[in-house]
Amino acid sequence: MGGGHHEPFKIPNYSIYSNYRDFPQLAQHEKRLAQIGLKDPWIRNYVYLYDRKYPHVVGQWAHFKKLILPGWKAGVAFTAALILVEEAYQYKTHGTTSWDAHH
């Protein structure tokens, strides 16, 4: 799906996330929690959001572009062709198009 040949997603080993304090956002998060007496035992699971080694999972816009953009040109072309076929069929069978009916 998407028209390109891409490498399959490689799941990183969990052990590379053991030092989450290397990421300033997560270190600040841990500090804020500590100030109110809380601890997040799963904080290392959020490293992938800030890790630039895996840019395809960073942010919703990047995910949206990767999901939608590869096929939108083909979708627009298909839609235009479908409209053309429907209008030609209606003109052939009724002698008018749907554009003429509203005026």
Protein backbone atom coordinates (compact mmCIF):
# COMPACT_ATOMS: atom_id res chain seq x y z
CA MET A 1 0.00 0.00 0.00
CA GLY A 2 1.32 3.44 -0.78
CA GLY A 3 3.01 2.53 -4.06
CA GLY A 4 6.59 2.41 -2.84
CA HIS A 5 8.90 -0.32 -1.77
CA HIS A 6 10.02 0.49 1.73
CA GLU A 7 11.90 -1.48 4.30
CA PRO A 8 9.62 -3.08 6.86
CA PHE A 9 9.45 -1.20 10.13
CA LYS A 10 12.25 -2.35 12.41
CA ILE A 11 11.23 -2.60 16.04
CA PRO A 12 14.08 -1.33 18.20
CA ASN A 13 15.33 -3.33 21.15
CA TYR A 14 13.89 -2.15 24.46
CA SER A 15 17.34 -1.86 26.05
CA ILE A 16 18.28 1.20 23.96
CA TYR A 17 15.69 3.18 25.91
CA SER A 18 17.19 2.52 29.31
CA ASN A 19 18.72 6.00 29.54
CA TYR A 20 15.68 8.17 28.89
CA ARG A 21 17.32 11.04 30.75
CA ASP A 22 19.30 11.77 27.56
CA PHE A 23 16.13 13.34 26.23
CA PRO A 24 15.47 16.77 27.81
CA GLN A 25 11.69 16.56 27.46
CA LEU A 26 11.53 13.29 29.38
CA ALA A 27 14.00 14.47 32.02
CA GLN A 28 11.82 17.55 32.58
CA HIS A 29 8.72 15.34 32.77
CA GLU A 30 10.36 13.15 35.41
CA LYS A 31 11.42 16.23 37.38
CA ARG A 32 7.90 17.71 37.32
CA LEU A 33 6.45 14.43 38.54
CA ALA A 34 9.03 14.18 41.32
CA GLN A 35 8.09 17.68 42.51
CA ILE A 36 4.56 16.49 43.25
CA GLY A 37 5.65 13.14 44.61
CA LEU A 38 4.90 10.96 41.60
CA LYS A 39 6.95 8.57 39.50
CA ASP A 40 6.32 7.24 35.99
CA PRO A 41 7.62 3.65 35.77
CA TRP A 42 6.85 3.53 32.03
CA ILE A 43 8.65 6.73 31.05
CA ARG A 44 11.16 4.83 28.91
CA ASN A 45 8.30 3.78 26.65
CA TYR A 46 7.95 7.36 25.43
CA VAL A 47 11.54 7.69 24.19
CA TYR A 48 10.58 6.79 20.63
CA LEU A 49 8.54 10.00 20.40
CA TYR A 50 11.67 12.09 20.90
CA ASP A 51 14.28 9.83 19.33
CA ARG A 52 15.45 11.29 15.98
CA LYS A 53 16.70 7.86 14.87
CA TYR A 54 13.07 7.06 14.10
CA PRO A 55 11.77 10.25 12.44
CA HIS A 56 8.83 8.50 10.77
CA VAL A 57 7.07 8.14 14.13
CA VAL A 58 7.70 11.70 15.30
CA GLY A 59 4.59 13.82 15.22
CA GLN A 60 1.13 13.43 13.83
CA TRP A 61 1.80 15.53 10.71
CA ALA A 62 4.65 13.25 9.62
CA HIS A 63 2.40 10.25 10.15
CA PHE A 64 -0.42 11.89 8.18
CA LYS A 65 1.89 12.71 5.26
CA LYS A 66 3.26 9.19 5.16
CA LEU A 67 -0.24 7.74 5.26
CA ILE A 68 -2.06 10.01 2.79
CA LEU A 69 0.35 11.60 0.33
CA PRO A 70 1.65 8.52 -1.53
CA GLY A 71 -1.78 7.71 -2.98
CA TRP A 72 -3.51 11.05 -3.35
CA LYS A 73 -2.42 11.70 -6.96
CA ALA A 74 -3.80 8.35 -8.07
CA GLY A 75 -6.99 9.06 -6.08
CA VAL A 76 -7.53 12.43 -7.77
CA ALA A 77 -6.88 10.91 -11.21
CA PHE A 78 -9.30 8.05 -10.50
CA THR A 79 -11.98 10.48 -9.31
CA ALA A 80 -11.61 12.67 -12.40
CA ALA A 81 -11.81 9.61 -14.67
CA LEU A 82 -14.92 8.35 -12.85
CA ILE A 83 -16.67 11.71 -13.21
CA LEU A 84 -15.76 11.80 -16.90
CA VAL A 85 -17.16 8.29 -17.47
CA GLU A 86 -20.39 9.06 -15.58
CA GLU A 87 -20.95 12.32 -17.47
CA ALA A 88 -20.27 10.62 -20.83
CA TYR A 89 -22.69 7.79 -19.99
CA GLN A 90 -25.42 10.22 -18.93
CA TYR A 91 -24.93 12.34 -22.06
CA LYS A 92 -25.08 9.23 -24.26
CA THR A 93 -28.25 7.87 -22.61
CA HIS A 94 -30.14 11.11 -21.83
CA GLY A 95 -28.63 13.68 -24.18
CA THR A 96 -27.72 15.96 -21.30
CA THR A 97 -25.17 16.07 -18.51
CA SER A 98 -25.69 16.63 -14.80
CA TRP A 99 -24.16 20.08 -15.24
CA ASP A 100 -27.00 21.10 -17.59
CA ALA A 101 -29.79 19.97 -15.24
CA HIS A 102 -29.23 22.68 -12.65
CA HIS A 103 -29.51 25.72 -14.92
